[in-house]
Amino acid sequence: MKMLRQPKDKRTLKRNWMLASSTAFVAGVTDVCGLLALLAFTSNITWHVANLAKT
């Protein structure tokens, strides 16, 4: 978890990509778990963007 403690100007490009991809993965897992648990479309982004992505 060292990459979370470094300021953005101290992180390498590889660390930035790792941070972005892990954040996206957690967001996706959250969406899937919400769908399976609630049987409804849930999203961690704004409603407008989620509806746009659905269509």
PDB file of N, CA and C in Angstrom:
ATOM      1  N   MET A   1       0.815  -1.200   0.000  1.00  0.00           N
ATOM      2  CA  MET A   1       0.000   0.000   0.000  1.00  0.00           C
ATOM      3  C   MET A   1       0.857   1.262   0.000  1.00  0.00           C
ATOM      4  N   LYS A   2       2.098   1.082  -0.357  1.00  0.00           N
ATOM      5  CA  LYS A   2       3.014   2.208  -0.399  1.00  0.00           C
ATOM      6  C   LYS A   2       2.576   3.265  -1.414  1.00  0.00           C
ATOM      7  N   MET A   3       1.948   2.805  -2.520  1.00  0.00           N
ATOM      8  CA  MET A   3       1.569   3.751  -3.569  1.00  0.00           C
ATOM      9  C   MET A   3       0.487   4.721  -3.114  1.00  0.00           C
ATOM     10  N   LEU A   4      -0.298   4.356  -2.115  1.00  0.00           N
ATOM     11  CA  LEU A   4      -1.353   5.252  -1.634  1.00  0.00           C
ATOM     12  C   LEU A   4      -0.808   6.363  -0.756  1.00  0.00           C
ATOM     13  N   ARG A   5       0.372   6.161  -0.227  1.00  0.00           N
ATOM     14  CA  ARG A   5       0.953   7.152   0.685  1.00  0.00           C
ATOM     15  C   ARG A   5       1.860   8.158  -0.001  1.00  0.00           C
ATOM     16  N   GLN A   6       2.114   7.950  -1.276  1.00  0.00           N
ATOM     17  CA  GLN A   6       2.998   8.856  -2.004  1.00  0.00           C
ATOM     18  C   GLN A   6       2.189   9.954  -2.679  1.00  0.00           C
ATOM     19  N   PRO A   7       2.692  11.184  -2.669  1.00  0.00           N
ATOM     20  CA  PRO A   7       2.005  12.239  -3.425  1.00  0.00           C
ATOM     21  C   PRO A   7       2.089  11.961  -4.916  1.00  0.00           C
ATOM     22  N   LYS A   8       1.183  12.541  -5.662  1.00  0.00           N
ATOM     23  CA  LYS A   8       1.098  12.217  -7.096  1.00  0.00           C
ATOM     24  C   LYS A   8       2.372  12.528  -7.875  1.00  0.00           C
ATOM     25  N   ASP A   9       3.115  13.527  -7.470  1.00  0.00           N
ATOM     26  CA  ASP A   9       4.340  13.842  -8.210  1.00  0.00           C
ATOM     27  C   ASP A   9       5.483  12.875  -7.891  1.00  0.00           C
ATOM     28  N   LYS A  10       5.330  12.039  -6.877  1.00  0.00           N
ATOM     29  CA  LYS A  10       6.363  11.062  -6.511  1.00  0.00           C
ATOM     30  C   LYS A  10       6.063   9.670  -7.069  1.00  0.00           C
ATOM     31  N   ARG A  11       4.827   9.418  -7.547  1.00  0.00           N
ATOM     32  CA  ARG A  11       4.469   8.108  -8.081  1.00  0.00           C
ATOM     33  C   ARG A  11       4.937   7.968  -9.523  1.00  0.00           C
ATOM     34  N   THR A  12       5.308   6.767  -9.892  1.00  0.00           N
ATOM     35  CA  THR A  12       5.710   6.487 -11.270  1.00  0.00           C
ATOM     36  C   THR A  12       4.455   6.237 -12.113  1.00  0.00           C
ATOM     37  N   LEU A  13       4.626   6.211 -13.410  1.00  0.00           N
ATOM     38  CA  LEU A  13       3.510   5.938 -14.311  1.00  0.00           C
ATOM     39  C   LEU A  13       2.939   4.539 -14.049  1.00  0.00           C
ATOM     40  N   LYS A  14       3.819   3.589 -13.784  1.00  0.00           N
ATOM     41  CA  LYS A  14       3.370   2.221 -13.490  1.00  0.00           C
ATOM     42  C   LYS A  14       2.497   2.201 -12.231  1.00  0.00           C
ATOM     43  N   ARG A  15       2.917   2.911 -11.203  1.00  0.00           N
ATOM     44  CA  ARG A  15       2.125   2.972  -9.962  1.00  0.00           C
ATOM     45  C   ARG A  15       0.783   3.650 -10.200  1.00  0.00           C
ATOM     46  N   ASN A  16       0.762   4.688 -11.025  1.00  0.00           N
ATOM     47  CA  ASN A  16      -0.505   5.357 -11.337  1.00  0.00           C
ATOM     48  C   ASN A  16      -1.458   4.408 -12.053  1.00  0.00           C
ATOM     49  N   TRP A  17      -0.930   3.606 -12.997  1.00  0.00           N
ATOM     50  CA  TRP A  17      -1.771   2.635 -13.705  1.00  0.00           C
ATOM     51  C   TRP A  17      -2.263   1.555 -12.756  1.00  0.00           C
ATOM     52  N   MET A  18      -1.425   1.120 -11.846  1.00  0.00           N
ATOM     53  CA  MET A  18      -1.840   0.113 -10.865  1.00  0.00           C
ATOM     54  C   MET A  18      -2.945   0.656  -9.967  1.00  0.00           C
ATOM     55  N   LEU A  19      -2.803   1.888  -9.544  1.00  0.00           N
ATOM     56  CA  LEU A  19      -3.808   2.516  -8.689  1.00  0.00           C
ATOM     57  C   LEU A  19      -5.130   2.686  -9.437  1.00  0.00           C
ATOM     58  N   ALA A  20      -5.056   3.132 -10.683  1.00  0.00           N
ATOM     59  CA  ALA A  20      -6.272   3.331 -11.475  1.00  0.00           C
ATOM     60  C   ALA A  20      -6.970   2.009 -11.768  1.00  0.00           C
ATOM     61  N   SER A  21      -6.211   0.986 -12.121  1.00  0.00           N
ATOM     62  CA  SER A  21      -6.844  -0.293 -12.447  1.00  0.00           C
ATOM     63  C   SER A  21      -7.417  -0.980 -11.209  1.00  0.00           C
ATOM     64  N   SER A  22      -6.755  -0.867 -10.075  1.00  0.00           N
ATOM     65  CA  SER A  22      -7.312  -1.471  -8.863  1.00  0.00           C
ATOM     66  C   SER A  22      -8.571  -0.739  -8.410  1.00  0.00           C
ATOM     67  N   THR A  23      -8.602   0.568  -8.574  1.00  0.00           N
ATOM     68  CA  THR A  23      -9.801   1.331  -8.237  1.00  0.00           C
ATOM     69  C   THR A  23     -10.957   0.953  -9.158  1.00  0.00           C
ATOM     70  N   ALA A  24     -10.685   0.804 -10.443  1.00  0.00           N
ATOM     71  CA  ALA A  24     -11.715   0.402 -11.398  1.00  0.00           C
ATOM     72  C   ALA A  24     -12.213  -1.012 -11.101  1.00  0.00           C
ATOM     73  N   PHE A  25     -11.317  -1.901 -10.714  1.00  0.00           N
ATOM     74  CA  PHE A  25     -11.708  -3.269 -10.376  1.00  0.00           C
ATOM     75  C   PHE A  25     -12.639  -3.295  -9.171  1.00  0.00           C
ATOM     76  N   VAL A  26     -12.294  -2.557  -8.137  1.00  0.00           N
ATOM     77  CA  VAL A  26     -13.135  -2.499  -6.939  1.00  0.00           C
ATOM     78  C   VAL A  26     -14.507  -1.909  -7.270  1.00  0.00           C
ATOM     79  N   ALA A  27     -14.542  -0.895  -8.107  1.00  0.00           N
ATOM     80  CA  ALA A  27     -15.821  -0.306  -8.518  1.00  0.00           C
ATOM     81  C   ALA A  27     -16.665  -1.322  -9.279  1.00  0.00           C
ATOM     82  N   GLY A  28     -16.050  -2.090 -10.165  1.00  0.00           N
ATOM     83  CA  GLY A  28     -16.774  -3.108 -10.915  1.00  0.00           C
ATOM     84  C   GLY A  28     -17.315  -4.207 -10.020  1.00  0.00           C
ATOM     85  N   VAL A  29     -16.515  -4.655  -9.075  1.00  0.00           N
ATOM     86  CA  VAL A  29     -16.967  -5.683  -8.141  1.00  0.00           C
ATOM     87  C   VAL A  29     -18.131  -5.160  -7.299  1.00  0.00           C
ATOM     88  N   THR A  30     -18.061  -3.911  -6.898  1.00  0.00           N
ATOM     89  CA  THR A  30     -19.147  -3.302  -6.141  1.00  0.00           C
ATOM     90  C   THR A  30     -20.434  -3.284  -6.951  1.00  0.00           C
ATOM     91  N   ASP A  31     -20.349  -2.943  -8.220  1.00  0.00           N
ATOM     92  CA  ASP A  31     -21.526  -2.935  -9.092  1.00  0.00           C
ATOM     93  C   ASP A  31     -22.120  -4.334  -9.239  1.00  0.00           C
ATOM     94  N   VAL A  32     -21.273  -5.332  -9.452  1.00  0.00           N
ATOM     95  CA  VAL A  32     -21.750  -6.705  -9.619  1.00  0.00           C
ATOM     96  C   VAL A  32     -22.390  -7.224  -8.339  1.00  0.00           C
ATOM     97  N   CYS A  33     -21.767  -6.959  -7.207  1.00  0.00           N
ATOM     98  CA  CYS A  33     -22.337  -7.399  -5.927  1.00  0.00           C
ATOM     99  C   CYS A  33     -23.679  -6.736  -5.666  1.00  0.00           C
ATOM    100  N   GLY A  34     -23.793  -5.469  -5.991  1.00  0.00           N
ATOM    101  CA  GLY A  34     -25.074  -4.779  -5.837  1.00  0.00           C
ATOM    102  C   GLY A  34     -26.129  -5.367  -6.740  1.00  0.00           C
ATOM    103  N   LEU A  35     -25.762  -5.724  -7.958  1.00  0.00           N
ATOM    104  CA  LEU A  35     -26.707  -6.329  -8.893  1.00  0.00           C
ATOM    105  C   LEU A  35     -27.173  -7.687  -8.386  1.00  0.00           C
ATOM    106  N   LEU A  36     -26.258  -8.505  -7.912  1.00  0.00           N
ATOM    107  CA  LEU A  36     -26.614  -9.835  -7.434  1.00  0.00           C
ATOM    108  C   LEU A  36     -27.390  -9.797  -6.117  1.00  0.00           C
ATOM    109  N   ALA A  37     -27.019  -8.890  -5.230  1.00  0.00           N
ATOM    110  CA  ALA A  37     -27.669  -8.830  -3.923  1.00  0.00           C
ATOM    111  C   ALA A  37     -29.046  -8.176  -3.982  1.00  0.00           C
ATOM    112  N   LEU A  38     -29.184  -7.138  -4.782  1.00  0.00           N
ATOM    113  CA  LEU A  38     -30.428  -6.373  -4.797  1.00  0.00           C
ATOM    114  C   LEU A  38     -31.301  -6.656  -6.014  1.00  0.00           C
ATOM    115  N   LEU A  39     -30.751  -7.401  -6.973  1.00  0.00           N
ATOM    116  CA  LEU A  39     -31.436  -7.657  -8.242  1.00  0.00           C
ATOM    117  C   LEU A  39     -31.871  -6.356  -8.904  1.00  0.00           C
ATOM    118  N   ALA A  40     -31.028  -5.368  -8.760  1.00  0.00           N
ATOM    119  CA  ALA A  40     -31.278  -4.057  -9.361  1.00  0.00           C
ATOM    120  C   ALA A  40     -29.940  -3.483  -9.804  1.00  0.00           C
ATOM    121  N   PHE A  41     -29.994  -2.634 -10.809  1.00  0.00           N
ATOM    122  CA  PHE A  41     -28.773  -2.008 -11.304  1.00  0.00           C
ATOM    123  C   PHE A  41     -28.301  -0.959 -10.317  1.00  0.00           C
ATOM    124  N   THR A  42     -27.127  -1.154  -9.781  1.00  0.00           N
ATOM    125  CA  THR A  42     -26.533  -0.167  -8.885  1.00  0.00           C
ATOM    126  C   THR A  42     -25.259   0.345  -9.530  1.00  0.00           C
ATOM    127  N   SER A  43     -24.855   1.511  -9.138  1.00  0.00           N
ATOM    128  CA  SER A  43     -23.640   2.062  -9.722  1.00  0.00           C
ATOM    129  C   SER A  43     -23.005   3.028  -8.745  1.00  0.00           C
ATOM    130  N   ASN A  44     -21.692   3.100  -8.791  1.00  0.00           N
ATOM    131  CA  ASN A  44     -20.980   4.033  -7.929  1.00  0.00           C
ATOM    132  C   ASN A  44     -20.668   5.341  -8.656  1.00  0.00           C
ATOM    133  N   ILE A  45     -21.243   5.509  -9.838  1.00  0.00           N
ATOM    134  CA  ILE A  45     -21.084   6.767 -10.571  1.00  0.00           C
ATOM    135  C   ILE A  45     -22.437   7.451 -10.638  1.00  0.00           C
ATOM    136  N   THR A  46     -22.481   8.626 -11.150  1.00  0.00           N
ATOM    137  CA  THR A  46     -23.738   9.364 -11.148  1.00  0.00           C
ATOM    138  C   THR A  46     -24.789   8.666 -11.995  1.00  0.00           C
ATOM    139  N   TRP A  47     -26.023   8.886 -11.671  1.00  0.00           N
ATOM    140  CA  TRP A  47     -27.142   8.217 -12.320  1.00  0.00           C
ATOM    141  C   TRP A  47     -27.181   8.499 -13.820  1.00  0.00           C
ATOM    142  N   HIS A  48     -26.909   9.710 -14.219  1.00  0.00           N
ATOM    143  CA  HIS A  48     -26.970  10.077 -15.630  1.00  0.00           C
ATOM    144  C   HIS A  48     -25.941   9.300 -16.461  1.00  0.00           C
ATOM    145  N   VAL A  49     -24.730   9.203 -15.944  1.00  0.00           N
ATOM    146  CA  VAL A  49     -23.676   8.487 -16.670  1.00  0.00           C
ATOM    147  C   VAL A  49     -23.998   6.986 -16.706  1.00  0.00           C
ATOM    148  N   ALA A  50     -24.515   6.458 -15.608  1.00  0.00           N
ATOM    149  CA  ALA A  50     -24.872   5.048 -15.574  1.00  0.00           C
ATOM    150  C   ALA A  50     -25.984   4.734 -16.563  1.00  0.00           C
ATOM    151  N   ASN A  51     -26.973   5.577 -16.654  1.00  0.00           N
ATOM    152  CA  ASN A  51     -28.062   5.366 -17.617  1.00  0.00           C
ATOM    153  C   ASN A  51     -27.557   5.485 -19.048  1.00  0.00           C
ATOM    154  N   LEU A  52     -26.645   6.384 -19.287  1.00  0.00           N
ATOM    155  CA  LEU A  52     -26.069   6.526 -20.616  1.00  0.00           C
ATOM    156  C   LEU A  52     -25.311   5.256 -21.010  1.00  0.00           C
ATOM    157  N   ALA A  53     -24.610   4.682 -20.066  1.00  0.00           N
ATOM    158  CA  ALA A  53     -23.846   3.468 -20.331  1.00  0.00           C
ATOM    159  C   ALA A  53     -24.755   2.269 -20.543  1.00  0.00           C
ATOM    160  N   LYS A  54     -25.916   2.288 -19.918  1.00  0.00           N
ATOM    161  CA  LYS A  54     -26.861   1.178 -20.041  1.00  0.00           C
ATOM    162  C   LYS A  54     -27.471   1.083 -21.430  1.00  0.00           C
ATOM    163  N   THR A  55     -27.641   2.220 -22.095  1.00  0.00           N
ATOM    164  CA  THR A  55     -28.319   2.235 -23.394  1.00  0.00           C
ATOM    165  C   THR A  55     -27.389   1.915 -24.538  1.00  0.00           C
TER     166      THR A  55
END
